[in-house]
Amino acid sequence: MKLLIHRNLREPQEIEATRVVVLDQFDNPVALAVEVEEGVIIAETAAEGNEVEFNQILRSLGINKTVIVTDVKQRPLSEIEIPSV
């Protein structure tokens, strides 16, 4: 599978991979994609109600972490500020 990686507004970098694990700032897995054979990709996210399957796939990949998803109540923002660069 191909990945397009972006950082800030620079040109995207394209790379080939067979396994991708997305980590948050605390190194917790939050999403993954695995190409099990050419053109067949399994993709999962750590979502509420999906923890068991997500953790099973992590274990099958040799990642020894348990992901627990907590629903966070969110309030819409009254306005959005974009910091100047």
Protein backbone atom coordinates (compact mmCIF):
# COMPACT_ATOMS: atom_id res chain seq x y z
CA MET A 1 0.00 0.00 0.00
CA LYS A 2 1.10 3.57 -0.50
CA LEU A 3 1.14 6.20 2.22
CA LEU A 4 1.07 9.94 1.75
CA ILE A 5 2.65 11.64 4.74
CA HIS A 6 2.21 15.36 5.29
CA ARG A 7 3.94 17.61 7.80
CA ASN A 8 2.65 21.16 7.99
CA LEU A 9 2.05 22.54 4.50
CA ARG A 10 5.10 21.00 2.84
CA GLU A 11 4.97 18.60 -0.07
CA PRO A 12 3.64 15.17 0.85
CA GLN A 13 6.06 12.28 1.05
CA GLU A 14 4.89 9.02 -0.57
CA ILE A 15 6.22 5.72 0.76
CA GLU A 16 5.41 2.03 0.35
CA ALA A 17 4.49 0.00 3.46
CA THR A 18 2.77 -3.23 4.43
CA ARG A 19 2.00 -2.21 8.02
CA VAL A 20 1.11 1.18 9.49
CA VAL A 21 0.38 1.92 13.13
CA VAL A 22 -0.72 5.44 14.09
CA LEU A 23 0.30 6.48 17.61
CA ASP A 24 -0.90 9.41 19.70
CA GLN A 25 1.44 11.75 21.59
CA PHE A 26 1.69 9.17 24.42
CA ASP A 27 2.69 6.31 22.04
CA ASN A 28 -0.74 4.66 22.31
CA PRO A 29 -1.97 2.98 19.10
CA VAL A 30 -5.09 4.70 17.74
CA ALA A 31 -5.31 3.27 14.20
CA LEU A 32 -3.67 0.67 12.01
CA ALA A 33 -3.61 -0.68 8.49
CA VAL A 34 -2.09 -3.99 7.43
CA GLU A 35 -1.72 -5.27 3.86
CA VAL A 36 -2.28 -9.02 4.38
CA GLU A 37 -1.74 -9.75 0.69
CA GLU A 38 -1.36 -7.58 -2.37
CA GLY A 39 -4.41 -5.34 -2.64
CA VAL A 40 -6.06 -6.67 0.56
CA ILE A 41 -5.80 -4.19 3.43
CA ILE A 42 -7.27 -4.50 6.92
CA ALA A 43 -7.81 -1.13 8.60
CA GLU A 44 -9.04 -0.58 12.16
CA THR A 45 -9.33 2.28 14.59
CA ALA A 46 -9.46 2.36 18.36
CA ALA A 47 -13.10 3.33 18.66
CA GLU A 48 -15.58 2.83 21.47
CA GLY A 49 -17.14 -0.62 21.09
CA ASN A 50 -14.26 -1.81 18.89
CA GLU A 51 -11.58 -2.23 21.57
CA VAL A 52 -11.61 -6.06 21.65
CA GLU A 53 -11.05 -6.49 17.90
CA PHE A 54 -8.51 -3.63 17.77
CA ASN A 55 -6.51 -5.13 20.67
CA GLN A 56 -6.60 -8.60 19.07
CA ILE A 57 -5.11 -7.22 15.86
CA LEU A 58 -2.44 -5.35 17.84
CA ARG A 59 -1.47 -8.63 19.57
CA SER A 60 -1.31 -10.46 16.24
CA LEU A 61 1.16 -7.79 15.05
CA GLY A 62 3.32 -8.29 18.14
CA ILE A 63 2.30 -4.99 19.75
CA ASN A 64 1.91 -5.62 23.46
CA LYS A 65 -0.34 -2.71 24.40
CA THR A 66 -3.97 -2.66 25.50
CA VAL A 67 -6.08 0.21 24.20
CA ILE A 68 -9.01 1.42 26.29
CA VAL A 69 -11.33 3.93 24.64
CA THR A 70 -13.21 6.47 26.74
CA ASP A 71 -15.99 8.57 25.30
CA VAL A 72 -15.25 12.25 25.87
CA LYS A 73 -18.14 14.68 25.86
CA GLN A 74 -17.35 17.48 23.47
CA ARG A 75 -18.84 20.92 23.14
CA PRO A 76 -18.77 22.81 19.86
CA LEU A 77 -16.48 25.83 19.71
CA SER A 78 -18.14 29.21 19.50
CA GLU A 79 -15.35 30.39 17.20
CA ILE A 80 -12.14 29.05 15.72
CA GLU A 81 -8.84 30.89 15.98
CA ILE A 82 -6.05 30.20 13.50
CA PRO A 83 -2.66 31.28 14.88
CA SER A 84 -0.53 33.38 12.60
CA VAL A 85 2.70 31.86 11.37
